[in-house]
Amino acid sequence: NNDVTFIGGLILKHQQIIPSNMHSFGETQGLEYLERGIAAM
């Protein structure tokens, strides 16, 4: 199925983009700065 393999190709590309590009989205809790989420920037 061409549509399935196309979307699969995008997800595989994302699997490689994310570790090198995603940013931590943080928050302050007491004296610590913790991760709230991850952001595509």
PDB file of all heavy atoms in Angstrom:
ATOM      1  N   ASN A   1       0.851  -1.192   0.000  1.00  0.00           N
ATOM      2  CA  ASN A   1       0.000   0.000   0.000  1.00  0.00           C
ATOM      3  C   ASN A   1       0.890   1.246   0.000  1.00  0.00           C
ATOM      4  O   ASN A   1       1.615   1.510   0.965  1.00  0.00           O
ATOM      5  CB  ASN A   1      -0.919  -0.015   1.223  1.00  0.00           C
ATOM      6  CG  ASN A   1      -1.934   1.113   1.206  1.00  0.00           C
ATOM      7  OD1 ASN A   1      -1.582   2.269   1.013  1.00  0.00           O
ATOM      8  ND2 ASN A   1      -3.203   0.761   1.422  1.00  0.00           N
ATOM      9  N   ASN A   2       0.850   2.035  -1.067  1.00  0.00           N
ATOM     10  CA  ASN A   2       1.727   3.199  -1.209  1.00  0.00           C
ATOM     11  C   ASN A   2       1.512   4.248  -0.116  1.00  0.00           C
ATOM     12  O   ASN A   2       2.458   4.911   0.319  1.00  0.00           O
ATOM     13  CB  ASN A   2       1.547   3.834  -2.587  1.00  0.00           C
ATOM     14  CG  ASN A   2       2.079   2.961  -3.700  1.00  0.00           C
ATOM     15  OD1 ASN A   2       2.984   2.152  -3.474  1.00  0.00           O
ATOM     16  ND2 ASN A   2       1.542   3.113  -4.907  1.00  0.00           N
ATOM     17  N   ASP A   3       0.254   4.409   0.307  1.00  0.00           N
ATOM     18  CA  ASP A   3      -0.035   5.391   1.352  1.00  0.00           C
ATOM     19  C   ASP A   3       0.576   4.957   2.687  1.00  0.00           C
ATOM     20  O   ASP A   3       1.147   5.775   3.416  1.00  0.00           O
ATOM     21  CB  ASP A   3      -1.543   5.569   1.519  1.00  0.00           C
ATOM     22  CG  ASP A   3      -2.187   6.260   0.334  1.00  0.00           C
ATOM     23  OD1 ASP A   3      -1.435   6.851  -0.479  1.00  0.00           O
ATOM     24  OD2 ASP A   3      -3.424   6.217   0.208  1.00  0.00           O
ATOM     25  N   VAL A   4       0.467   3.667   2.980  1.00  0.00           N
ATOM     26  CA  VAL A   4       1.014   3.150   4.236  1.00  0.00           C
ATOM     27  C   VAL A   4       2.531   3.287   4.250  1.00  0.00           C
ATOM     28  O   VAL A   4       3.128   3.743   5.245  1.00  0.00           O
ATOM     29  CB  VAL A   4       0.602   1.677   4.435  1.00  0.00           C
ATOM     30  CG1 VAL A   4       1.315   1.081   5.649  1.00  0.00           C
ATOM     31  CG2 VAL A   4      -0.909   1.553   4.607  1.00  0.00           C
ATOM     32  N   THR A   5       3.189   2.923   3.172  1.00  0.00           N
ATOM     33  CA  THR A   5       4.654   3.017   3.137  1.00  0.00           C
ATOM     34  C   THR A   5       5.131   4.467   3.133  1.00  0.00           C
ATOM     35  O   THR A   5       6.201   4.785   3.678  1.00  0.00           O
ATOM     36  CB  THR A   5       5.229   2.288   1.908  1.00  0.00           C
ATOM     37  OG1 THR A   5       4.610   2.796   0.721  1.00  0.00           O
ATOM     38  CG2 THR A   5       4.949   0.788   2.004  1.00  0.00           C
ATOM     39  N   PHE A   6       4.339   5.355   2.540  1.00  0.00           N
ATOM     40  CA  PHE A   6       4.705   6.773   2.549  1.00  0.00           C
ATOM     41  C   PHE A   6       4.668   7.338   3.966  1.00  0.00           C
ATOM     42  O   PHE A   6       5.633   7.981   4.416  1.00  0.00           O
ATOM     43  CB  PHE A   6       3.759   7.565   1.637  1.00  0.00           C
ATOM     44  CG  PHE A   6       3.902   9.060   1.758  1.00  0.00           C
ATOM     45  CD1 PHE A   6       5.046   9.698   1.320  1.00  0.00           C
ATOM     46  CD2 PHE A   6       2.887   9.833   2.325  1.00  0.00           C
ATOM     47  CE1 PHE A   6       5.192  11.080   1.446  1.00  0.00           C
ATOM     48  CE2 PHE A   6       3.016  11.210   2.441  1.00  0.00           C
ATOM     49  CZ  PHE A   6       4.170  11.837   2.002  1.00  0.00           C
ATOM     50  N   ILE A   7       3.572   7.100   4.691  1.00  0.00           N
ATOM     51  CA  ILE A   7       3.469   7.588   6.069  1.00  0.00           C
ATOM     52  C   ILE A   7       4.523   6.902   6.938  1.00  0.00           C
ATOM     53  O   ILE A   7       5.139   7.525   7.819  1.00  0.00           O
ATOM     54  CB  ILE A   7       2.050   7.345   6.634  1.00  0.00           C
ATOM     55  CG1 ILE A   7       1.025   8.208   5.873  1.00  0.00           C
ATOM     56  CG2 ILE A   7       1.998   7.657   8.130  1.00  0.00           C
ATOM     57  CD1 ILE A   7       1.244   9.710   5.983  1.00  0.00           C
ATOM     58  N   GLY A   8       4.773   5.619   6.681  1.00  0.00           N
ATOM     59  CA  GLY A   8       5.834   4.922   7.408  1.00  0.00           C
ATOM     60  C   GLY A   8       7.188   5.567   7.185  1.00  0.00           C
ATOM     61  O   GLY A   8       7.988   5.703   8.121  1.00  0.00           O
ATOM     62  N   GLY A   9       7.445   5.997   5.959  1.00  0.00           N
ATOM     63  CA  GLY A   9       8.700   6.682   5.657  1.00  0.00           C
ATOM     64  C   GLY A   9       8.840   7.989   6.417  1.00  0.00           C
ATOM     65  O   GLY A   9       9.936   8.337   6.886  1.00  0.00           O
ATOM     66  N   LEU A  10       7.731   8.720   6.566  1.00  0.00           N
ATOM     67  CA  LEU A  10       7.770   9.969   7.332  1.00  0.00           C
ATOM     68  C   LEU A  10       8.066   9.691   8.804  1.00  0.00           C
ATOM     69  O   LEU A  10       8.875  10.389   9.427  1.00  0.00           O
ATOM     70  CB  LEU A  10       6.441  10.721   7.201  1.00  0.00           C
ATOM     71  CG  LEU A  10       6.094  11.310   5.831  1.00  0.00           C
ATOM     72  CD1 LEU A  10       4.813  12.125   5.929  1.00  0.00           C
ATOM     73  CD2 LEU A  10       7.222  12.182   5.302  1.00  0.00           C
ATOM     74  N   ILE A  11       7.389   8.675   9.354  1.00  0.00           N
ATOM     75  CA  ILE A  11       7.608   8.348  10.767  1.00  0.00           C
ATOM     76  C   ILE A  11       9.055   7.918  10.998  1.00  0.00           C
ATOM     77  O   ILE A  11       9.683   8.293  12.000  1.00  0.00           O
ATOM     78  CB  ILE A  11       6.610   7.269  11.237  1.00  0.00           C
ATOM     79  CG1 ILE A  11       5.185   7.840  11.216  1.00  0.00           C
ATOM     80  CG2 ILE A  11       6.961   6.775  12.643  1.00  0.00           C
ATOM     81  CD1 ILE A  11       4.105   6.832  11.561  1.00  0.00           C
ATOM     82  N   LEU A  12       9.614   7.151  10.079  1.00  0.00           N
ATOM     83  CA  LEU A  12      11.018   6.750  10.199  1.00  0.00           C
ATOM     84  C   LEU A  12      11.938   7.973  10.138  1.00  0.00           C
ATOM     85  O   LEU A  12      12.933   8.051  10.877  1.00  0.00           O
ATOM     86  CB  LEU A  12      11.382   5.761   9.093  1.00  0.00           C
ATOM     87  CG  LEU A  12      12.844   5.279   9.061  1.00  0.00           C
ATOM     88  CD1 LEU A  12      13.231   4.640  10.399  1.00  0.00           C
ATOM     89  CD2 LEU A  12      13.058   4.312   7.914  1.00  0.00           C
ATOM     90  N   LYS A  13      11.614   8.918   9.295  1.00  0.00           N
ATOM     91  CA  LYS A  13      12.407  10.159   9.222  1.00  0.00           C
ATOM     92  C   LYS A  13      12.300  10.921  10.544  1.00  0.00           C
ATOM     93  O   LYS A  13      13.298  11.435  11.061  1.00  0.00           O
ATOM     94  CB  LYS A  13      11.915  11.027   8.059  1.00  0.00           C
ATOM     95  CG  LYS A  13      12.797  12.251   7.780  1.00  0.00           C
ATOM     96  CD  LYS A  13      12.258  13.026   6.600  1.00  0.00           C
ATOM     97  CE  LYS A  13      13.118  14.248   6.287  1.00  0.00           C
ATOM     98  NZ  LYS A  13      14.376  13.905   5.600  1.00  0.00           N
ATOM     99  N   HIS A  14      11.095  10.972  11.108  1.00  0.00           N
ATOM    100  CA  HIS A  14      10.903  11.649  12.397  1.00  0.00           C
ATOM    101  C   HIS A  14      11.717  10.969  13.493  1.00  0.00           C
ATOM    102  O   HIS A  14      12.249  11.641  14.385  1.00  0.00           O
ATOM    103  CB  HIS A  14       9.426  11.647  12.797  1.00  0.00           C
ATOM    104  CG  HIS A  14       8.528  12.317  11.807  1.00  0.00           C
ATOM    105  ND1 HIS A  14       7.186  12.038  11.711  1.00  0.00           N
ATOM    106  CD2 HIS A  14       8.788  13.242  10.841  1.00  0.00           C
ATOM    107  CE1 HIS A  14       6.657  12.761  10.741  1.00  0.00           C
ATOM    108  NE2 HIS A  14       7.610  13.497  10.194  1.00  0.00           N
ATOM    109  N   GLN A  15      11.800   9.643  13.437  1.00  0.00           N
ATOM    110  CA  GLN A  15      12.572   8.899  14.431  1.00  0.00           C
ATOM    111  C   GLN A  15      14.044   9.316  14.429  1.00  0.00           C
ATOM    112  O   GLN A  15      14.737   9.164  15.434  1.00  0.00           O
ATOM    113  CB  GLN A  15      12.475   7.394  14.142  1.00  0.00           C
ATOM    114  CG  GLN A  15      11.139   6.759  14.472  1.00  0.00           C
ATOM    115  CD  GLN A  15      11.112   6.134  15.859  1.00  0.00           C
ATOM    116  OE1 GLN A  15      12.119   5.637  16.347  1.00  0.00           O
ATOM    117  NE2 GLN A  15       9.966   6.157  16.507  1.00  0.00           N
ATOM    118  N   GLN A  16      14.499   9.844  13.323  1.00  0.00           N
ATOM    119  CA  GLN A  16      15.888  10.296  13.223  1.00  0.00           C
ATOM    120  C   GLN A  16      16.025  11.800  13.463  1.00  0.00           C
ATOM    121  O   GLN A  16      17.053  12.273  13.965  1.00  0.00           O
ATOM    122  CB  GLN A  16      16.441   9.937  11.837  1.00  0.00           C
ATOM    123  CG  GLN A  16      16.466   8.427  11.585  1.00  0.00           C
ATOM    124  CD  GLN A  16      16.714   8.114  10.128  1.00  0.00           C
ATOM    125  OE1 GLN A  16      17.839   8.203   9.656  1.00  0.00           O
ATOM    126  NE2 GLN A  16      15.665   7.730   9.402  1.00  0.00           N
ATOM    127  N   ILE A  17      14.998  12.556  13.100  1.00  0.00           N
ATOM    128  CA  ILE A  17      15.029  14.006  13.331  1.00  0.00           C
ATOM    129  C   ILE A  17      14.972  14.317  14.822  1.00  0.00           C
ATOM    130  O   ILE A  17      15.712  15.174  15.327  1.00  0.00           O
ATOM    131  CB  ILE A  17      13.836  14.690  12.611  1.00  0.00           C
ATOM    132  CG1 ILE A  17      14.065  14.724  11.103  1.00  0.00           C
ATOM    133  CG2 ILE A  17      13.621  16.106  13.145  1.00  0.00           C
ATOM    134  CD1 ILE A  17      12.872  15.251  10.316  1.00  0.00           C
ATOM    135  N   ILE A  18      14.105  13.620  15.541  1.00  0.00           N
ATOM    136  CA  ILE A  18      13.800  13.980  16.925  1.00  0.00           C
ATOM    137  C   ILE A  18      15.024  13.956  17.854  1.00  0.00           C
ATOM    138  O   ILE A  18      15.267  14.940  18.570  1.00  0.00           O
ATOM    139  CB  ILE A  18      12.667  13.080  17.474  1.00  0.00           C
ATOM    140  CG1 ILE A  18      11.360  13.435  16.763  1.00  0.00           C
ATOM    141  CG2 ILE A  18      12.506  13.238  18.984  1.00  0.00           C
ATOM    142  CD1 ILE A  18      10.249  12.425  16.957  1.00  0.00           C
ATOM    143  N   PRO A  19      15.828  12.894  17.894  1.00  0.00           N
ATOM    144  CA  PRO A  19      16.957  12.888  18.846  1.00  0.00           C
ATOM    145  C   PRO A  19      17.956  14.024  18.640  1.00  0.00           C
ATOM    146  O   PRO A  19      18.621  14.439  19.587  1.00  0.00           O
ATOM    147  CB  PRO A  19      17.624  11.523  18.586  1.00  0.00           C
ATOM    148  CG  PRO A  19      16.573  10.687  17.956  1.00  0.00           C
ATOM    149  CD  PRO A  19      15.749  11.632  17.133  1.00  0.00           C
ATOM    150  N   SER A  20      18.069  14.521  17.411  1.00  0.00           N
ATOM    151  CA  SER A  20      19.052  15.564  17.119  1.00  0.00           C
ATOM    152  C   SER A  20      18.472  16.972  17.152  1.00  0.00           C
ATOM    153  O   SER A  20      19.237  17.946  17.064  1.00  0.00           O
ATOM    154  CB  SER A  20      19.676  15.329  15.731  1.00  0.00           C
ATOM    155  OG  SER A  20      20.382  14.108  15.703  1.00  0.00           O
ATOM    156  N   ASN A  21      17.150  17.090  17.304  1.00  0.00           N
ATOM    157  CA  ASN A  21      16.546  18.416  17.138  1.00  0.00           C
ATOM    158  C   ASN A  21      15.505  18.825  18.169  1.00  0.00           C
ATOM    159  O   ASN A  21      15.264  20.025  18.325  1.00  0.00           O
ATOM    160  CB  ASN A  21      15.891  18.512  15.754  1.00  0.00           C
ATOM    161  CG  ASN A  21      16.883  18.443  14.622  1.00  0.00           C
ATOM    162  OD1 ASN A  21      17.556  19.416  14.310  1.00  0.00           O
ATOM    163  ND2 ASN A  21      17.010  17.271  14.001  1.00  0.00           N
ATOM    164  N   MET A  22      14.869  17.873  18.838  1.00  0.00           N
ATOM    165  CA  MET A  22      13.822  18.273  19.774  1.00  0.00           C
ATOM    166  C   MET A  22      14.408  18.991  20.984  1.00  0.00           C
ATOM    167  O   MET A  22      15.530  18.720  21.406  1.00  0.00           O
ATOM    168  CB  MET A  22      13.018  17.056  20.237  1.00  0.00           C
ATOM    169  CG  MET A  22      12.199  16.384  19.152  1.00  0.00           C
ATOM    170  SD  MET A  22      10.971  17.452  18.331  1.00  0.00           S
ATOM    171  CE  MET A  22      11.807  17.765  16.764  1.00  0.00           C
ATOM    172  N   HIS A  23      13.619  19.888  21.543  1.00  0.00           N
ATOM    173  CA  HIS A  23      14.054  20.672  22.688  1.00  0.00           C
ATOM    174  C   HIS A  23      13.242  20.307  23.929  1.00  0.00           C
ATOM    175  O   HIS A  23      12.049  20.035  23.842  1.00  0.00           O
ATOM    176  CB  HIS A  23      13.891  22.171  22.412  1.00  0.00           C
ATOM    177  CG  HIS A  23      14.878  22.700  21.439  1.00  0.00           C
ATOM    178  ND1 HIS A  23      14.771  22.507  20.086  1.00  0.00           N
ATOM    179  CD2 HIS A  23      16.021  23.423  21.624  1.00  0.00           C
ATOM    180  CE1 HIS A  23      15.785  23.097  19.465  1.00  0.00           C
ATOM    181  NE2 HIS A  23      16.556  23.647  20.379  1.00  0.00           N
ATOM    182  N   SER A  24      13.901  20.356  25.047  1.00  0.00           N
ATOM    183  CA  SER A  24      13.203  20.168  26.318  1.00  0.00           C
ATOM    184  C   SER A  24      12.377  21.411  26.617  1.00  0.00           C
ATOM    185  O   SER A  24      12.824  22.545  26.416  1.00  0.00           O
ATOM    186  CB  SER A  24      14.223  19.926  27.437  1.00  0.00           C
ATOM    187  OG  SER A  24      13.580  19.825  28.678  1.00  0.00           O
ATOM    188  N   PHE A  25      11.152  21.196  27.088  1.00  0.00           N
ATOM    189  CA  PHE A  25      10.246  22.274  27.463  1.00  0.00           C
ATOM    190  C   PHE A  25      10.097  22.186  28.975  1.00  0.00           C
ATOM    191  O   PHE A  25       9.585  21.198  29.498  1.00  0.00           O
ATOM    192  CB  PHE A  25       8.908  22.082  26.747  1.00  0.00           C
ATOM    193  CG  PHE A  25       7.922  23.199  26.957  1.00  0.00           C
ATOM    194  CD1 PHE A  25       8.113  24.413  26.338  1.00  0.00           C
ATOM    195  CD2 PHE A  25       6.803  23.016  27.754  1.00  0.00           C
ATOM    196  CE1 PHE A  25       7.201  25.452  26.516  1.00  0.00           C
ATOM    197  CE2 PHE A  25       5.886  24.033  27.933  1.00  0.00           C
ATOM    198  CZ  PHE A  25       6.081  25.259  27.314  1.00  0.00           C
ATOM    199  N   GLY A  26      10.594  23.186  29.711  1.00  0.00           N
ATOM    200  CA  GLY A  26      10.797  23.028  31.142  1.00  0.00           C
ATOM    201  C   GLY A  26       9.849  23.775  32.044  1.00  0.00           C
ATOM    202  O   GLY A  26       9.028  24.589  31.617  1.00  0.00           O
ATOM    203  N   GLU A  27       9.999  23.488  33.344  1.00  0.00           N
ATOM    204  CA  GLU A  27       9.262  24.172  34.395  1.00  0.00           C
ATOM    205  C   GLU A  27      10.110  24.200  35.657  1.00  0.00           C
ATOM    206  O   GLU A  27      11.000  23.365  35.847  1.00  0.00           O
ATOM    207  CB  GLU A  27       7.928  23.468  34.678  1.00  0.00           C
ATOM    208  CG  GLU A  27       8.086  22.087  35.294  1.00  0.00           C
ATOM    209  CD  GLU A  27       6.760  21.387  35.557  1.00  0.00           C
ATOM    210  OE1 GLU A  27       5.753  21.782  34.955  1.00  0.00           O
ATOM    211  OE2 GLU A  27       6.751  20.429  36.367  1.00  0.00           O
ATOM    212  N   THR A  28       9.835  25.163  36.523  1.00  0.00           N
ATOM    213  CA  THR A  28      10.534  25.283  37.794  1.00  0.00           C
ATOM    214  C   THR A  28       9.676  24.680  38.892  1.00  0.00           C
ATOM    215  O   THR A  28       8.505  25.004  39.037  1.00  0.00           O
ATOM    216  CB  THR A  28      10.831  26.756  38.123  1.00  0.00           C
ATOM    217  OG1 THR A  28      11.681  27.296  37.103  1.00  0.00           O
ATOM    218  CG2 THR A  28      11.524  26.890  39.463  1.00  0.00           C
ATOM    219  N   GLN A  29      10.279  23.779  39.659  1.00  0.00           N
ATOM    220  CA  GLN A  29       9.605  23.167  40.802  1.00  0.00           C
ATOM    221  C   GLN A  29      10.549  23.249  41.987  1.00  0.00           C
ATOM    222  O   GLN A  29      11.520  22.498  42.075  1.00  0.00           O
ATOM    223  CB  GLN A  29       9.237  21.710  40.484  1.00  0.00           C
ATOM    224  CG  GLN A  29       8.374  21.060  41.564  1.00  0.00           C
ATOM    225  CD  GLN A  29       7.996  19.645  41.217  1.00  0.00           C
ATOM    226  OE1 GLN A  29       8.175  18.737  42.030  1.00  0.00           O
ATOM    227  NE2 GLN A  29       7.491  19.420  40.020  1.00  0.00           N
ATOM    228  N   GLY A  30      10.280  24.194  42.879  1.00  0.00           N
ATOM    229  CA  GLY A  30      11.191  24.428  43.994  1.00  0.00           C
ATOM    230  C   GLY A  30      12.532  24.908  43.481  1.00  0.00           C
ATOM    231  O   GLY A  30      12.629  25.880  42.733  1.00  0.00           O
ATOM    232  N   LEU A  31      13.597  24.211  43.852  1.00  0.00           N
ATOM    233  CA  LEU A  31      14.941  24.573  43.409  1.00  0.00           C
ATOM    234  C   LEU A  31      15.353  23.842  42.139  1.00  0.00           C
ATOM    235  O   LEU A  31      16.448  24.044  41.630  1.00  0.00           O
ATOM    236  CB  LEU A  31      15.957  24.256  44.519  1.00  0.00           C
ATOM    237  CG  LEU A  31      15.846  25.087  45.804  1.00  0.00           C
ATOM    238  CD1 LEU A  31      16.850  24.602  46.830  1.00  0.00           C
ATOM    239  CD2 LEU A  31      16.037  26.573  45.516  1.00  0.00           C
ATOM    240  N   GLU A  32      14.462  22.996  41.611  1.00  0.00           N
ATOM    241  CA  GLU A  32      14.807  22.196  40.442  1.00  0.00           C
ATOM    242  C   GLU A  32      14.162  22.731  39.170  1.00  0.00           C
ATOM    243  O   GLU A  32      13.061  23.295  39.208  1.00  0.00           O
ATOM    244  CB  GLU A  32      14.367  20.744  40.651  1.00  0.00           C
ATOM    245  CG  GLU A  32      15.113  20.022  41.744  1.00  0.00           C
ATOM    246  CD  GLU A  32      14.745  18.545  41.779  1.00  0.00           C
ATOM    247  OE1 GLU A  32      13.769  18.200  42.457  1.00  0.00           O
ATOM    248  OE2 GLU A  32      15.440  17.753  41.119  1.00  0.00           O
ATOM    249  N   TYR A  33      14.858  22.523  38.065  1.00  0.00           N
ATOM    250  CA  TYR A  33      14.301  22.830  36.754  1.00  0.00           C
ATOM    251  C   TYR A  33      14.069  21.497  36.060  1.00  0.00           C
ATOM    252  O   TYR A  33      15.018  20.769  35.762  1.00  0.00           O
ATOM    253  CB  TYR A  33      15.256  23.709  35.942  1.00  0.00           C
ATOM    254  CG  TYR A  33      14.638  24.251  34.674  1.00  0.00           C
ATOM    255  CD1 TYR A  33      13.704  25.274  34.723  1.00  0.00           C
ATOM    256  CD2 TYR A  33      14.973  23.729  33.431  1.00  0.00           C
ATOM    257  CE1 TYR A  33      13.125  25.779  33.567  1.00  0.00           C
ATOM    258  CE2 TYR A  33      14.392  24.225  32.266  1.00  0.00           C
ATOM    259  CZ  TYR A  33      13.471  25.248  32.356  1.00  0.00           C
ATOM    260  OH  TYR A  33      12.882  25.729  31.205  1.00  0.00           O
ATOM    261  N   LEU A  34      12.803  21.157  35.825  1.00  0.00           N
ATOM    262  CA  LEU A  34      12.425  19.829  35.341  1.00  0.00           C
ATOM    263  C   LEU A  34      11.816  19.900  33.948  1.00  0.00           C
ATOM    264  O   LEU A  34      11.383  20.963  33.495  1.00  0.00           O
ATOM    265  CB  LEU A  34      11.414  19.195  36.316  1.00  0.00           C
ATOM    266  CG  LEU A  34      11.868  19.093  37.776  1.00  0.00           C
ATOM    267  CD1 LEU A  34      10.724  18.590  38.642  1.00  0.00           C
ATOM    268  CD2 LEU A  34      13.077  18.180  37.900  1.00  0.00           C
ATOM    269  N   GLU A  35      11.772  18.746  33.306  1.00  0.00           N
ATOM    270  CA  GLU A  35      11.192  18.669  31.972  1.00  0.00           C
ATOM    271  C   GLU A  35       9.680  18.530  32.068  1.00  0.00           C
ATOM    272  O   GLU A  35       9.164  17.630  32.708  1.00  0.00           O
ATOM    273  CB  GLU A  35      11.782  17.473  31.210  1.00  0.00           C
ATOM    274  CG  GLU A  35      11.389  17.437  29.744  1.00  0.00           C
ATOM    275  CD  GLU A  35      12.098  16.344  28.961  1.00  0.00           C
ATOM    276  OE1 GLU A  35      12.083  15.188  29.413  1.00  0.00           O
ATOM    277  OE2 GLU A  35      12.680  16.657  27.909  1.00  0.00           O
ATOM    278  N   ARG A  36       8.967  19.445  31.415  1.00  0.00           N
ATOM    279  CA  ARG A  36       7.511  19.382  31.347  1.00  0.00           C
ATOM    280  C   ARG A  36       7.074  18.651  30.078  1.00  0.00           C
ATOM    281  O   ARG A  36       6.122  17.880  30.081  1.00  0.00           O
ATOM    282  CB  ARG A  36       6.923  20.792  31.365  1.00  0.00           C
ATOM    283  CG  ARG A  36       5.434  20.850  31.150  1.00  0.00           C
ATOM    284  CD  ARG A  36       4.867  22.263  31.267  1.00  0.00           C
ATOM    285  NE  ARG A  36       4.836  22.708  32.651  1.00  0.00           N
ATOM    286  CZ  ARG A  36       4.193  23.795  33.066  1.00  0.00           C
ATOM    287  NH1 ARG A  36       3.547  24.552  32.202  1.00  0.00           N
ATOM    288  NH2 ARG A  36       4.197  24.137  34.336  1.00  0.00           N
ATOM    289  N   GLY A  37       7.760  18.911  28.986  1.00  0.00           N
ATOM    290  CA  GLY A  37       7.407  18.288  27.715  1.00  0.00           C
ATOM    291  C   GLY A  37       8.571  18.386  26.747  1.00  0.00           C
ATOM    292  O   GLY A  37       9.673  18.810  27.108  1.00  0.00           O
ATOM    293  N   ILE A  38       8.318  17.981  25.505  1.00  0.00           N
ATOM    294  CA  ILE A  38       9.307  18.145  24.446  1.00  0.00           C
ATOM    295  C   ILE A  38       8.689  18.958  23.320  1.00  0.00           C
ATOM    296  O   ILE A  38       7.481  18.859  23.063  1.00  0.00           O
ATOM    297  CB  ILE A  38       9.836  16.795  23.924  1.00  0.00           C
ATOM    298  CG1 ILE A  38       8.689  15.882  23.473  1.00  0.00           C
ATOM    299  CG2 ILE A  38      10.674  16.105  24.967  1.00  0.00           C
ATOM    300  CD1 ILE A  38       9.158  14.606  22.816  1.00  0.00           C
ATOM    301  N   ALA A  39       9.511  19.753  22.666  1.00  0.00           N
ATOM    302  CA  ALA A  39       9.015  20.721  21.692  1.00  0.00           C
ATOM    303  C   ALA A  39       9.753  20.592  20.370  1.00  0.00           C
ATOM    304  O   ALA A  39      10.970  20.440  20.342  1.00  0.00           O
ATOM    305  CB  ALA A  39       9.187  22.138  22.244  1.00  0.00           C
ATOM    306  N   ALA A  40       8.993  20.654  19.287  1.00  0.00           N
ATOM    307  CA  ALA A  40       9.578  20.705  17.938  1.00  0.00           C
ATOM    308  C   ALA A  40       9.746  22.167  17.558  1.00  0.00           C
ATOM    309  O   ALA A  40       8.759  22.873  17.347  1.00  0.00           O
ATOM    310  CB  ALA A  40       8.669  19.984  16.946  1.00  0.00           C
ATOM    311  N   MET A  41      11.005  22.622  17.471  1.00  0.00           N
ATOM    312  CA  MET A  41      11.317  24.035  17.262  1.00  0.00           C
ATOM    313  C   MET A  41      12.155  24.197  15.995  1.00  0.00           C
ATOM    314  O   MET A  41      13.387  24.061  16.041  1.00  0.00           O
ATOM    315  CB  MET A  41      12.097  24.579  18.465  1.00  0.00           C
ATOM    316  CG  MET A  41      11.522  24.223  19.828  1.00  0.00           C
ATOM    317  SD  MET A  41       9.975  25.049  20.171  1.00  0.00           S
ATOM    318  CE  MET A  41      10.502  26.740  20.284  1.00  0.00           C
TER     319      MET A  41
END
